[in-house]
Protein backbone atom coordinates (compact mmCIF):
# COMPACT_ATOMS: atom_id res chain seq x y z
CA MET A 1 -9.07 -1.14 -2.06
CA ARG A 2 -5.97 -3.19 -2.64
CA VAL A 3 -4.50 -2.80 -6.13
CA PRO A 4 -3.17 -5.97 -7.78
CA LYS A 5 0.47 -5.65 -8.79
CA SER A 6 -0.45 -6.67 -12.34
CA TRP A 7 -2.37 -3.39 -12.64
CA VAL A 8 0.61 -1.22 -11.72
CA PRO A 9 2.05 -0.83 -15.25
CA ILE A 10 -1.38 0.12 -16.59
CA LEU A 11 -2.00 2.60 -13.77
CA ALA A 12 1.46 4.12 -14.12
CA LYS A 13 1.00 4.64 -17.85
CA ARG A 14 -2.46 6.20 -17.46
CA ILE A 15 -1.38 8.48 -14.62
CA SER A 16 1.78 9.54 -16.46
CA ASP A 17 -0.08 10.14 -19.72
CA ASN A 18 -2.74 12.21 -17.94
CA LEU A 19 -0.19 14.31 -16.07
CA VAL A 20 1.65 15.10 -19.29
CA ALA A 21 -1.53 15.67 -21.33
CA ARG A 22 -2.86 18.12 -18.74
CA GLU A 23 0.53 19.82 -18.67
CA MET A 24 0.84 19.23 -14.92
CA VAL A 25 4.36 17.90 -15.47
CA LYS A 26 6.87 18.16 -18.26
CA PRO A 27 9.17 15.12 -18.24
CA THR A 28 12.85 15.81 -18.74
CA VAL A 29 13.48 12.12 -19.46
CA PRO A 30 12.04 9.84 -22.15
CA MET A 31 8.41 8.93 -21.51
CA GLU A 32 9.27 5.24 -21.06
CA LYS A 33 11.63 6.09 -18.20
CA PHE A 34 9.05 8.46 -16.69
CA ILE A 35 6.46 5.66 -16.71
CA ALA A 36 8.95 3.16 -15.27
CA GLU A 37 9.74 5.54 -12.40
CA SER A 38 6.02 6.02 -11.80
CA GLU A 39 5.65 2.24 -11.55
CA LEU A 40 8.39 2.11 -8.92
CA ILE A 41 6.71 4.82 -6.87
CA ILE A 42 3.37 3.02 -6.98
CA LEU A 43 4.99 -0.29 -6.01
CA GLU A 44 6.76 1.37 -3.08
CA GLU A 45 3.45 2.73 -1.84
CA LEU A 46 1.81 -0.68 -2.15
CA ALA A 47 4.70 -2.19 -0.19
CA VAL A 48 3.94 0.13 2.74
CA GLU A 49 0.66 -1.66 3.36
CA ASP A 50 2.29 -5.08 2.93
CA ARG A 51 4.93 -4.25 5.54
CA LEU A 52 2.25 -2.89 7.87
CA ASN A 53 0.21 -6.08 7.51
CA ASP A 54 3.30 -8.15 8.34
CA GLU A 55 3.93 -6.02 11.42
CA VAL A 56 0.32 -6.41 12.60
CA ARG A 57 0.57 -10.20 12.18
CA GLU A 58 3.75 -10.16 14.26
CA ILE A 59 2.05 -8.13 17.00
CA LEU A 60 -0.92 -10.50 17.06
CA LYS A 61 1.34 -13.53 17.48
CA HIS A 62 1.74 -12.44 21.09
CA HIS A 63 -2.01 -12.89 21.60
CA VAL A 64 -2.43 -16.17 19.76
CA THR A 65 -3.56 -18.13 22.82
CA ASP A 66 -6.38 -15.69 23.58
CA ILE A 67 -7.41 -15.59 19.94
CA GLU A 68 -7.45 -19.40 19.68
CA LYS A 69 -9.51 -19.72 22.86
CA GLY A 70 -12.16 -17.63 21.14
CA ARG A 71 -11.94 -14.64 23.40
CA MET A 72 -10.96 -12.40 20.49
CA ASP A 73 -11.89 -12.25 16.81
CA TYR A 74 -8.63 -12.32 14.81
CA ARG A 75 -9.97 -10.33 11.84
CA LYS A 76 -11.45 -7.62 14.02
CA LEU A 77 -8.31 -7.44 16.14
CA PHE A 78 -6.19 -7.29 12.98
CA ASP A 79 -8.23 -4.40 11.57
CA LEU A 80 -8.21 -2.47 14.85
CA THR A 81 -4.46 -2.89 15.28
CA LYS A 82 -3.84 -1.84 11.69
CA GLN A 83 -6.05 1.24 12.05
CA ARG A 84 -4.21 2.22 15.24
CA LEU A 85 -0.80 1.95 13.57
CA VAL A 86 -2.01 3.89 10.52
CA LYS A 87 -3.26 6.67 12.73
CA GLU A 88 -0.12 6.73 14.90
CA ARG A 89 2.17 6.89 11.88
CA ASN A 90 -0.02 9.17 9.74
CA LEU A 91 0.01 6.66 6.88
CA VAL A 92 -2.19 6.91 3.83
CA LEU A 93 -3.28 3.55 2.45
């Protein structure tokens, strides 16, 4: 599932609060900074999928004539190409 960017601050706060409450981490910086850094990490991870999607679109541009002629389903081809790249690069989405 794709996470909307507007949810990132909420997720970062909940994750950070839970980690601290369960004593899984002990922040050495103020909690606000800890949460802000958590937000950055989550946004970086979301950007991985965005960059991958852009790369898949670029790859599929080379097959645009076949796709337009109806010999290939763009969505299916997109998903298959994305899955192949994820597997090759050992990405977690």
